[in-house]
Amino acid sequence: MQAKSPKEIKRDLILDAALKVFSEKGYHNATMNEIATAAGIGKGTIYEYFASKIQLFQQMLARGLYTYFESLEMQNLRRKTVEEMIHSLLEGHILFCRQHSRLTRLVFWDTQVQDDEVKDWMLQMRKEKEARLQKILEEGIASGELRQQDPYIMTLVVTGVIASIWAPLVLDGWDIETNYLADAITDVIMRGIRNQV
């Protein structure tokens, strides 16, 4: 892996400081002065890298979303069954939410400042992930691992469950062991809530 240039290092420093300030104050209350102070640079330096506060926010968000999607992708590569894959997705999502709580708040909560380009990109990423998951679920139906059901509805249920976990973890500070939570949610997804008497 190639070492980062001083310019790339400074850009990352600004993005990290932006993440800190935006997540503490929200987009509208954060100022470029506060971001510059958090980065330990002059305000003018930020404008050498980002033309405006909205561009800085969008670039910070895009970097974070890329990191999020990459973390879930890496978690998937080792899995074999649908159940293992779902468990892996849940585990990756839970760990990401915990390790990147500031970013998680911005990605899932502070969405009113996202422009159409960012929203379109997020929609495209979501659709790609849903399409991959739906293909895996269709293969699970075909192999007999999963019962016959509409794979798109299954996809919406699984992605909806995964997406909903961030709030109790990040906003409420839910302190629960990662593997236990992933196991329990996987069990509910795979076996439902009906008593199997």
Protein backbone atom coordinates (compact mmCIF):
# COMPACT_ATOMS: atom_id res chain seq x y z
CA MET A 1 0.00 0.00 0.00
CA GLN A 2 1.35 3.41 -1.00
CA ALA A 3 2.01 6.01 1.71
CA LYS A 4 -0.26 9.04 1.74
CA SER A 5 1.05 12.37 0.55
CA PRO A 6 1.13 15.35 2.97
CA LYS A 7 -1.85 16.81 1.09
CA GLU A 8 -3.85 13.58 1.56
CA ILE A 9 -2.90 13.48 5.25
CA LYS A 10 -4.08 17.08 5.74
CA ARG A 11 -7.33 16.36 3.87
CA ASP A 12 -7.97 13.36 6.13
CA LEU A 13 -7.22 15.51 9.18
CA ILE A 14 -9.84 18.05 8.06
CA LEU A 15 -12.40 15.29 7.36
CA ASP A 16 -11.78 13.75 10.81
CA ALA A 17 -12.21 17.14 12.48
CA ALA A 18 -15.37 17.76 10.44
CA LEU A 19 -16.78 14.44 11.58
CA LYS A 20 -16.13 15.37 15.21
CA VAL A 21 -17.65 18.85 14.98
CA PHE A 22 -20.62 17.94 12.74
CA SER A 23 -21.55 15.00 14.96
CA GLU A 24 -21.36 17.12 18.13
CA LYS A 25 -23.13 20.22 16.80
CA GLY A 26 -25.07 19.06 13.76
CA TYR A 27 -24.57 20.45 10.29
CA HIS A 28 -26.34 23.77 10.74
CA ASN A 29 -24.71 24.73 14.07
CA ALA A 30 -21.17 23.69 13.14
CA THR A 31 -18.84 26.39 11.85
CA MET A 32 -15.77 26.21 9.65
CA ASN A 33 -13.83 27.98 12.44
CA GLU A 34 -14.68 25.16 14.86
CA ILE A 35 -13.62 22.55 12.31
CA ALA A 36 -10.35 24.39 11.69
CA THR A 37 -9.68 24.58 15.43
CA ALA A 38 -10.43 20.88 15.85
CA ALA A 39 -8.02 20.10 12.99
CA GLY A 40 -5.34 22.42 14.40
CA ILE A 41 -5.18 24.48 11.20
CA GLY A 42 -6.28 27.89 9.96
CA LYS A 43 -9.76 28.32 8.55
CA GLY A 44 -8.34 29.34 5.17
CA THR A 45 -6.59 25.99 4.85
CA ILE A 46 -9.94 24.21 4.80
CA TYR A 47 -10.94 26.20 1.73
CA GLU A 48 -7.81 24.97 -0.07
CA TYR A 49 -9.40 21.50 0.10
CA PHE A 50 -13.15 22.16 0.22
CA ALA A 51 -15.04 25.00 -1.46
CA SER A 52 -17.81 25.21 1.14
CA LYS A 53 -19.23 23.73 4.32
CA ILE A 54 -21.73 21.65 2.36
CA GLN A 55 -18.98 20.22 0.15
CA LEU A 56 -16.93 19.36 3.25
CA PHE A 57 -19.95 17.68 4.83
CA GLN A 58 -20.71 15.73 1.66
CA GLN A 59 -17.12 14.54 1.26
CA MET A 60 -16.99 13.53 4.92
CA LEU A 61 -20.26 11.66 4.55
CA ALA A 62 -19.18 9.98 1.29
CA ARG A 63 -15.94 8.80 2.91
CA GLY A 64 -17.88 7.45 5.87
CA LEU A 65 -20.44 5.65 3.72
CA TYR A 66 -17.67 4.11 1.65
CA THR A 67 -16.01 2.88 4.87
CA TYR A 68 -19.35 1.49 6.07
CA PHE A 69 -20.15 -0.38 2.86
CA GLU A 70 -16.58 -1.70 2.62
CA SER A 71 -16.73 -3.02 6.20
CA LEU A 72 -19.92 -4.96 5.44
CA GLU A 73 -18.47 -6.29 2.19
CA MET A 74 -15.36 -7.63 3.94
CA GLN A 75 -17.50 -9.32 6.59
CA ASN A 76 -19.36 -11.24 3.87
CA LEU A 77 -16.50 -12.85 2.04
CA ARG A 78 -15.92 -15.77 4.42
CA ARG A 79 -19.53 -16.93 4.82
CA LYS A 80 -21.14 -19.99 3.31
CA THR A 81 -24.79 -20.34 4.34
CA VAL A 82 -27.46 -17.66 4.25
CA GLU A 83 -27.69 -17.80 8.03
CA GLU A 84 -23.94 -17.28 8.40
CA MET A 85 -24.07 -14.40 5.92
CA ILE A 86 -26.89 -12.66 7.81
CA HIS A 87 -25.04 -13.16 11.08
CA SER A 88 -21.92 -11.69 9.49
CA LEU A 89 -23.81 -8.65 8.17
CA LEU A 90 -25.31 -8.04 11.60
CA GLU A 91 -21.97 -8.43 13.33
CA GLY A 92 -20.29 -6.05 10.88
CA HIS A 93 -23.05 -3.48 11.24
CA ILE A 94 -23.01 -3.63 15.05
CA LEU A 95 -19.23 -3.30 15.19
CA PHE A 96 -19.25 -0.42 12.72
CA CYS A 97 -21.93 1.43 14.71
CA ARG A 98 -19.89 1.03 17.89
CA GLN A 99 -16.51 1.89 16.40
CA HIS A 100 -17.82 4.82 14.37
CA SER A 101 -20.66 6.15 16.50
CA ARG A 102 -20.21 9.77 15.37
CA LEU A 103 -20.30 8.79 11.74
CA THR A 104 -23.25 6.47 12.33
CA ARG A 105 -25.28 9.36 13.76
CA LEU A 106 -24.56 11.47 10.72
CA VAL A 107 -25.23 8.73 8.18
CA PHE A 108 -28.50 7.53 9.69
CA TRP A 109 -29.81 10.64 11.42
CA ASP A 110 -28.55 13.98 10.08
CA THR A 111 -29.72 13.40 6.52
CA GLN A 112 -31.54 16.67 5.88
CA VAL A 113 -28.39 18.33 4.52
CA GLN A 114 -27.66 15.72 1.90
CA ASP A 115 -28.05 17.11 -1.59
CA ASP A 116 -29.50 15.21 -4.51
CA GLU A 117 -26.12 13.91 -5.64
CA VAL A 118 -25.34 12.38 -2.23
CA LYS A 119 -28.89 11.00 -1.93
CA ASP A 120 -28.67 9.47 -5.42
CA TRP A 121 -25.31 7.88 -4.56
CA MET A 122 -26.68 6.46 -1.29
CA LEU A 123 -29.74 5.12 -3.11
CA GLN A 124 -27.53 3.46 -5.73
CA MET A 125 -25.32 1.87 -3.03
CA ARG A 126 -28.42 0.65 -1.18
CA LYS A 127 -29.90 -0.84 -4.35
CA GLU A 128 -26.63 -2.64 -5.14
CA LYS A 129 -26.46 -4.12 -1.63
CA GLU A 130 -30.13 -5.13 -1.77
CA ALA A 131 -29.62 -6.78 -5.17
CA ARG A 132 -26.67 -8.82 -3.82
CA LEU A 133 -28.62 -9.83 -0.73
CA GLN A 134 -31.68 -10.74 -2.80
CA LYS A 135 -29.52 -12.96 -5.03
CA ILE A 136 -28.13 -14.74 -1.95
CA LEU A 137 -31.66 -15.22 -0.59
CA GLU A 138 -32.87 -16.54 -3.95
CA GLU A 139 -30.00 -19.04 -3.94
CA GLY A 140 -30.99 -20.01 -0.38
CA ILE A 141 -34.57 -20.64 -1.54
CA ALA A 142 -33.36 -22.66 -4.53
CA SER A 143 -31.06 -24.80 -2.34
CA GLY A 144 -33.83 -25.44 0.19
CA GLU A 145 -32.09 -23.58 3.04
CA LEU A 146 -34.91 -21.01 3.05
CA ARG A 147 -38.62 -21.58 2.63
CA GLN A 148 -40.50 -20.40 -0.44
CA GLN A 149 -41.26 -16.70 0.02
CA ASP A 150 -40.90 -13.54 -2.04
CA PRO A 151 -37.12 -12.87 -1.98
CA TYR A 152 -37.60 -9.10 -2.33
CA ILE A 153 -39.80 -9.00 0.78
CA MET A 154 -37.21 -11.13 2.59
CA THR A 155 -34.53 -8.65 1.50
CA LEU A 156 -36.51 -5.69 2.82
CA VAL A 157 -37.06 -7.41 6.17
CA VAL A 158 -33.39 -8.31 6.63
CA THR A 159 -32.08 -4.89 5.57
CA GLY A 160 -34.73 -3.15 7.67
CA VAL A 161 -33.72 -5.09 10.77
CA ILE A 162 -30.04 -4.38 10.20
CA ALA A 163 -30.65 -0.67 9.59
CA SER A 164 -32.76 -0.29 12.75
CA ILE A 165 -30.06 -1.45 15.17
CA TRP A 166 -27.98 1.72 15.02
CA ALA A 167 -30.35 3.82 17.17
CA PRO A 168 -30.34 1.74 20.37
CA LEU A 169 -26.59 1.19 20.03
CA VAL A 170 -25.58 4.78 19.29
CA LEU A 171 -28.34 7.00 20.65
CA ASP A 172 -29.27 4.92 23.71
CA GLY A 173 -25.81 3.47 24.37
CA TRP A 174 -27.19 -0.07 24.52
CA ASP A 175 -24.44 -2.14 26.12
CA ILE A 176 -24.90 -5.67 24.82
CA GLU A 177 -22.31 -8.18 23.66
CA THR A 178 -21.91 -8.03 19.87
CA ASN A 179 -21.96 -11.76 19.11
CA TYR A 180 -24.91 -12.37 21.44
CA LEU A 181 -26.90 -9.61 19.72
CA ALA A 182 -25.99 -10.87 16.24
CA ASP A 183 -26.95 -14.43 17.29
CA ALA A 184 -30.30 -13.35 18.75
CA ILE A 185 -31.29 -11.20 15.77
CA THR A 186 -30.16 -13.87 13.29
CA ASP A 187 -32.29 -16.38 15.15
CA VAL A 188 -35.37 -14.12 14.95
CA ILE A 189 -34.78 -13.51 11.25
CA MET A 190 -34.22 -17.17 10.43
CA ARG A 191 -36.85 -18.73 12.72
CA GLY A 192 -39.39 -15.95 13.21
CA ILE A 193 -41.19 -15.03 16.40
CA ARG A 194 -43.78 -17.81 16.43
CA ASN A 195 -43.36 -20.43 19.13
CA GLN A 196 -42.14 -23.56 17.31
CA VAL A 197 -44.04 -26.03 19.54
